[in-house]
Amino acid sequence: MTPIITVIVGIAVLLILIIRFKVNAFIGLLLVSIGIGLAQGLTFGELVPVIQKGVGSTLGYLALVLGLGAILGGILVDSG
C-alpha cells in the first residue's frame, strides 16, 4: 500500500477505535502507529525506537506544559 493510503486507513481505524469501541485515545494512537509501521514494512526491531522517539519528543514538550500548569494551579489554589 502507498503511504498516504496507509495513513488514511490508520486514521479511520483510530476514529473507529475511539468512537465505536471507546478505546483510550493514547492506546488507540499507539495501536494504530504500530499497525501503520508494520504495514509500511518496518520490523518490530525498527518500530520500537521509531515510536519511542516520536512519543518521547511529543511527551517531552507536553510534560513541560503540564508541569508548569500544575504549578500555576497549585499557586492559585493556595492563594485563594
N, C-alpha and C. Protein backbone atom coordinates (compact mmCIF):
# COMPACT_ATOMS: atom_id res chain seq x y z
N MET A 1 0.83 -1.18 0.00
CA MET A 1 0.00 0.00 0.00
C MET A 1 0.88 1.25 0.00
N THR A 2 0.40 2.28 -0.63
CA THR A 2 1.15 3.54 -0.62
C THR A 2 1.04 4.17 0.77
N PRO A 3 2.00 4.98 1.14
CA PRO A 3 1.98 5.57 2.48
C PRO A 3 0.73 6.41 2.76
N ILE A 4 0.25 7.16 1.77
CA ILE A 4 -0.91 8.02 2.02
C ILE A 4 -2.16 7.19 2.29
N ILE A 5 -2.32 6.09 1.57
CA ILE A 5 -3.47 5.22 1.80
C ILE A 5 -3.36 4.56 3.17
N THR A 6 -2.16 4.16 3.54
CA THR A 6 -1.94 3.56 4.85
C THR A 6 -2.31 4.53 5.96
N VAL A 7 -1.93 5.78 5.82
CA VAL A 7 -2.24 6.79 6.83
C VAL A 7 -3.75 7.05 6.89
N ILE A 8 -4.41 7.13 5.74
CA ILE A 8 -5.86 7.35 5.72
C ILE A 8 -6.58 6.19 6.40
N VAL A 9 -6.17 4.96 6.09
CA VAL A 9 -6.77 3.79 6.74
C VAL A 9 -6.49 3.82 8.24
N GLY A 10 -5.28 4.21 8.62
CA GLY A 10 -4.93 4.30 10.03
C GLY A 10 -5.78 5.31 10.78
N ILE A 11 -6.03 6.46 10.16
CA ILE A 11 -6.89 7.48 10.79
C ILE A 11 -8.31 6.95 10.94
N ALA A 12 -8.81 6.26 9.92
CA ALA A 12 -10.15 5.68 10.00
C ALA A 12 -10.23 4.65 11.12
N VAL A 13 -9.22 3.80 11.22
CA VAL A 13 -9.19 2.80 12.29
C VAL A 13 -9.12 3.48 13.66
N LEU A 14 -8.33 4.53 13.77
CA LEU A 14 -8.22 5.26 15.03
C LEU A 14 -9.57 5.84 15.44
N LEU A 15 -10.26 6.46 14.50
CA LEU A 15 -11.58 7.02 14.80
C LEU A 15 -12.56 5.94 15.23
N ILE A 16 -12.53 4.80 14.55
CA ILE A 16 -13.43 3.70 14.92
C ILE A 16 -13.10 3.19 16.33
N LEU A 17 -11.81 3.04 16.62
CA LEU A 17 -11.41 2.57 17.95
C LEU A 17 -11.89 3.52 19.05
N ILE A 18 -11.75 4.82 18.81
CA ILE A 18 -12.09 5.80 19.84
C ILE A 18 -13.61 5.98 19.94
N ILE A 19 -14.29 6.14 18.82
CA ILE A 19 -15.71 6.46 18.84
C ILE A 19 -16.57 5.22 19.12
N ARG A 20 -16.32 4.16 18.38
CA ARG A 20 -17.20 2.98 18.49
C ARG A 20 -16.85 2.09 19.67
N PHE A 21 -15.56 1.83 19.86
CA PHE A 21 -15.15 0.89 20.89
C PHE A 21 -14.68 1.55 22.18
N LYS A 22 -14.70 2.89 22.24
CA LYS A 22 -14.35 3.66 23.43
C LYS A 22 -12.96 3.32 23.99
N VAL A 23 -12.01 3.10 23.07
CA VAL A 23 -10.63 2.84 23.48
C VAL A 23 -9.99 4.17 23.86
N ASN A 24 -9.17 4.17 24.88
CA ASN A 24 -8.45 5.36 25.28
C ASN A 24 -7.66 5.89 24.07
N ALA A 25 -7.66 7.20 23.89
CA ALA A 25 -7.03 7.80 22.71
C ALA A 25 -5.54 7.48 22.63
N PHE A 26 -4.84 7.49 23.76
CA PHE A 26 -3.41 7.20 23.75
C PHE A 26 -3.16 5.76 23.32
N ILE A 27 -3.94 4.83 23.85
CA ILE A 27 -3.80 3.42 23.48
C ILE A 27 -4.13 3.24 22.01
N GLY A 28 -5.19 3.92 21.55
CA GLY A 28 -5.56 3.84 20.14
C GLY A 28 -4.46 4.36 19.23
N LEU A 29 -3.87 5.49 19.59
CA LEU A 29 -2.77 6.04 18.80
C LEU A 29 -1.58 5.09 18.76
N LEU A 30 -1.29 4.47 19.88
CA LEU A 30 -0.19 3.52 19.94
C LEU A 30 -0.46 2.31 19.06
N LEU A 31 -1.67 1.76 19.13
CA LEU A 31 -2.02 0.60 18.31
C LEU A 31 -1.99 0.94 16.82
N VAL A 32 -2.54 2.09 16.46
CA VAL A 32 -2.56 2.48 15.05
C VAL A 32 -1.15 2.77 14.55
N SER A 33 -0.32 3.38 15.36
CA SER A 33 1.06 3.65 14.92
C SER A 33 1.82 2.35 14.70
N ILE A 34 1.58 1.36 15.55
CA ILE A 34 2.20 0.05 15.34
C ILE A 34 1.70 -0.56 14.04
N GLY A 35 0.39 -0.49 13.82
CA GLY A 35 -0.18 -1.05 12.59
C GLY A 35 0.34 -0.37 11.34
N ILE A 36 0.43 0.95 11.35
CA ILE A 36 0.94 1.68 10.19
C ILE A 36 2.41 1.34 9.94
N GLY A 37 3.18 1.26 11.01
CA GLY A 37 4.59 0.91 10.85
C GLY A 37 4.77 -0.47 10.25
N LEU A 38 4.00 -1.44 10.74
CA LEU A 38 4.08 -2.80 10.20
C LEU A 38 3.60 -2.84 8.75
N ALA A 39 2.55 -2.07 8.44
CA ALA A 39 2.03 -2.05 7.07
C ALA A 39 3.04 -1.44 6.09
N GLN A 40 3.90 -0.58 6.59
CA GLN A 40 4.91 0.04 5.73
C GLN A 40 6.21 -0.75 5.67
N GLY A 41 6.22 -1.91 6.30
CA GLY A 41 7.37 -2.79 6.16
C GLY A 41 8.42 -2.71 7.24
N LEU A 42 8.15 -2.00 8.31
CA LEU A 42 9.11 -1.95 9.42
C LEU A 42 9.02 -3.24 10.23
N THR A 43 10.14 -3.69 10.74
CA THR A 43 10.13 -4.82 11.65
C THR A 43 9.91 -4.30 13.07
N PHE A 44 9.61 -5.22 14.00
CA PHE A 44 9.43 -4.78 15.39
C PHE A 44 10.71 -4.15 15.94
N GLY A 45 11.85 -4.65 15.52
CA GLY A 45 13.12 -4.08 15.96
C GLY A 45 13.31 -2.65 15.51
N GLU A 46 12.82 -2.31 14.34
CA GLU A 46 12.91 -0.94 13.83
C GLU A 46 11.76 -0.08 14.37
N LEU A 47 10.63 -0.72 14.64
CA LEU A 47 9.42 0.01 15.00
C LEU A 47 9.49 0.61 16.40
N VAL A 48 10.01 -0.14 17.35
CA VAL A 48 10.03 0.32 18.74
C VAL A 48 10.83 1.62 18.91
N PRO A 49 12.05 1.74 18.38
CA PRO A 49 12.77 3.01 18.54
C PRO A 49 12.08 4.19 17.84
N VAL A 50 11.43 3.92 16.71
CA VAL A 50 10.73 5.00 16.00
C VAL A 50 9.58 5.52 16.85
N ILE A 51 8.80 4.61 17.43
CA ILE A 51 7.67 5.02 18.27
C ILE A 51 8.18 5.71 19.54
N GLN A 52 9.24 5.19 20.13
CA GLN A 52 9.82 5.82 21.32
C GLN A 52 10.26 7.24 21.03
N LYS A 53 10.90 7.44 19.89
CA LYS A 53 11.37 8.78 19.53
C LYS A 53 10.19 9.72 19.32
N GLY A 54 9.17 9.27 18.60
CA GLY A 54 8.01 10.11 18.34
C GLY A 54 7.23 10.45 19.59
N VAL A 55 6.94 9.45 20.40
CA VAL A 55 6.18 9.68 21.64
C VAL A 55 7.02 10.47 22.62
N GLY A 56 8.29 10.15 22.71
CA GLY A 56 9.16 10.86 23.65
C GLY A 56 9.29 12.33 23.34
N SER A 57 9.43 12.67 22.06
CA SER A 57 9.56 14.09 21.71
C SER A 57 8.26 14.83 21.97
N THR A 58 7.13 14.19 21.71
CA THR A 58 5.84 14.84 21.96
C THR A 58 5.58 14.99 23.45
N LEU A 59 5.79 13.92 24.21
CA LEU A 59 5.54 13.98 25.64
C LEU A 59 6.53 14.86 26.37
N GLY A 60 7.72 15.03 25.82
CA GLY A 60 8.69 15.92 26.43
C GLY A 60 8.18 17.35 26.48
N TYR A 61 7.60 17.81 25.40
CA TYR A 61 7.04 19.16 25.36
C TYR A 61 5.78 19.24 26.22
N LEU A 62 4.95 18.21 26.16
CA LEU A 62 3.72 18.22 26.95
C LEU A 62 4.01 18.18 28.45
N ALA A 63 5.02 17.43 28.85
CA ALA A 63 5.35 17.33 30.26
C ALA A 63 5.73 18.70 30.82
N LEU A 64 6.45 19.48 30.05
CA LEU A 64 6.82 20.82 30.50
C LEU A 64 5.58 21.68 30.68
N VAL A 65 4.69 21.68 29.71
CA VAL A 65 3.48 22.50 29.78
C VAL A 65 2.59 22.03 30.93
N LEU A 66 2.39 20.72 31.05
CA LEU A 66 1.54 20.20 32.12
C LEU A 66 2.15 20.45 33.49
N GLY A 67 3.45 20.30 33.60
CA GLY A 67 4.11 20.56 34.87
C GLY A 67 3.98 22.01 35.30
N LEU A 68 4.23 22.93 34.38
CA LEU A 68 4.09 24.35 34.71
C LEU A 68 2.64 24.71 35.00
N GLY A 69 1.71 24.09 34.29
CA GLY A 69 0.29 24.32 34.55
C GLY A 69 -0.11 23.82 35.93
N ALA A 70 0.43 22.68 36.34
CA ALA A 70 0.13 22.16 37.68
C ALA A 70 0.69 23.07 38.76
N ILE A 71 1.89 23.59 38.53
CA ILE A 71 2.48 24.52 39.49
C ILE A 71 1.63 25.78 39.60
N LEU A 72 1.22 26.32 38.47
CA LEU A 72 0.38 27.52 38.48
C LEU A 72 -0.95 27.24 39.16
N GLY A 73 -1.54 26.07 38.90
CA GLY A 73 -2.79 25.70 39.56
C GLY A 73 -2.62 25.59 41.06
N GLY A 74 -1.51 25.02 41.50
CA GLY A 74 -1.24 24.93 42.93
C GLY A 74 -1.10 26.30 43.58
N ILE A 75 -0.44 27.21 42.88
CA ILE A 75 -0.29 28.57 43.40
C ILE A 75 -1.64 29.25 43.50
N LEU A 76 -2.50 29.06 42.49
CA LEU A 76 -3.83 29.67 42.53
C LEU A 76 -4.68 29.09 43.66
N VAL A 77 -4.58 27.80 43.90
CA VAL A 77 -5.35 27.18 44.99
C VAL A 77 -4.87 27.72 46.33
N ASP A 78 -3.57 27.82 46.51
CA ASP A 78 -3.02 28.31 47.78
C ASP A 78 -3.35 29.78 48.02
N SER A 79 -3.44 30.57 46.96
CA SER A 79 -3.70 32.00 47.13
C SER A 79 -5.17 32.30 47.36
N GLY A 80 -6.03 31.35 47.10
CA GLY A 80 -7.45 31.54 47.39
C GLY A 80 -8.15 31.97 46.19
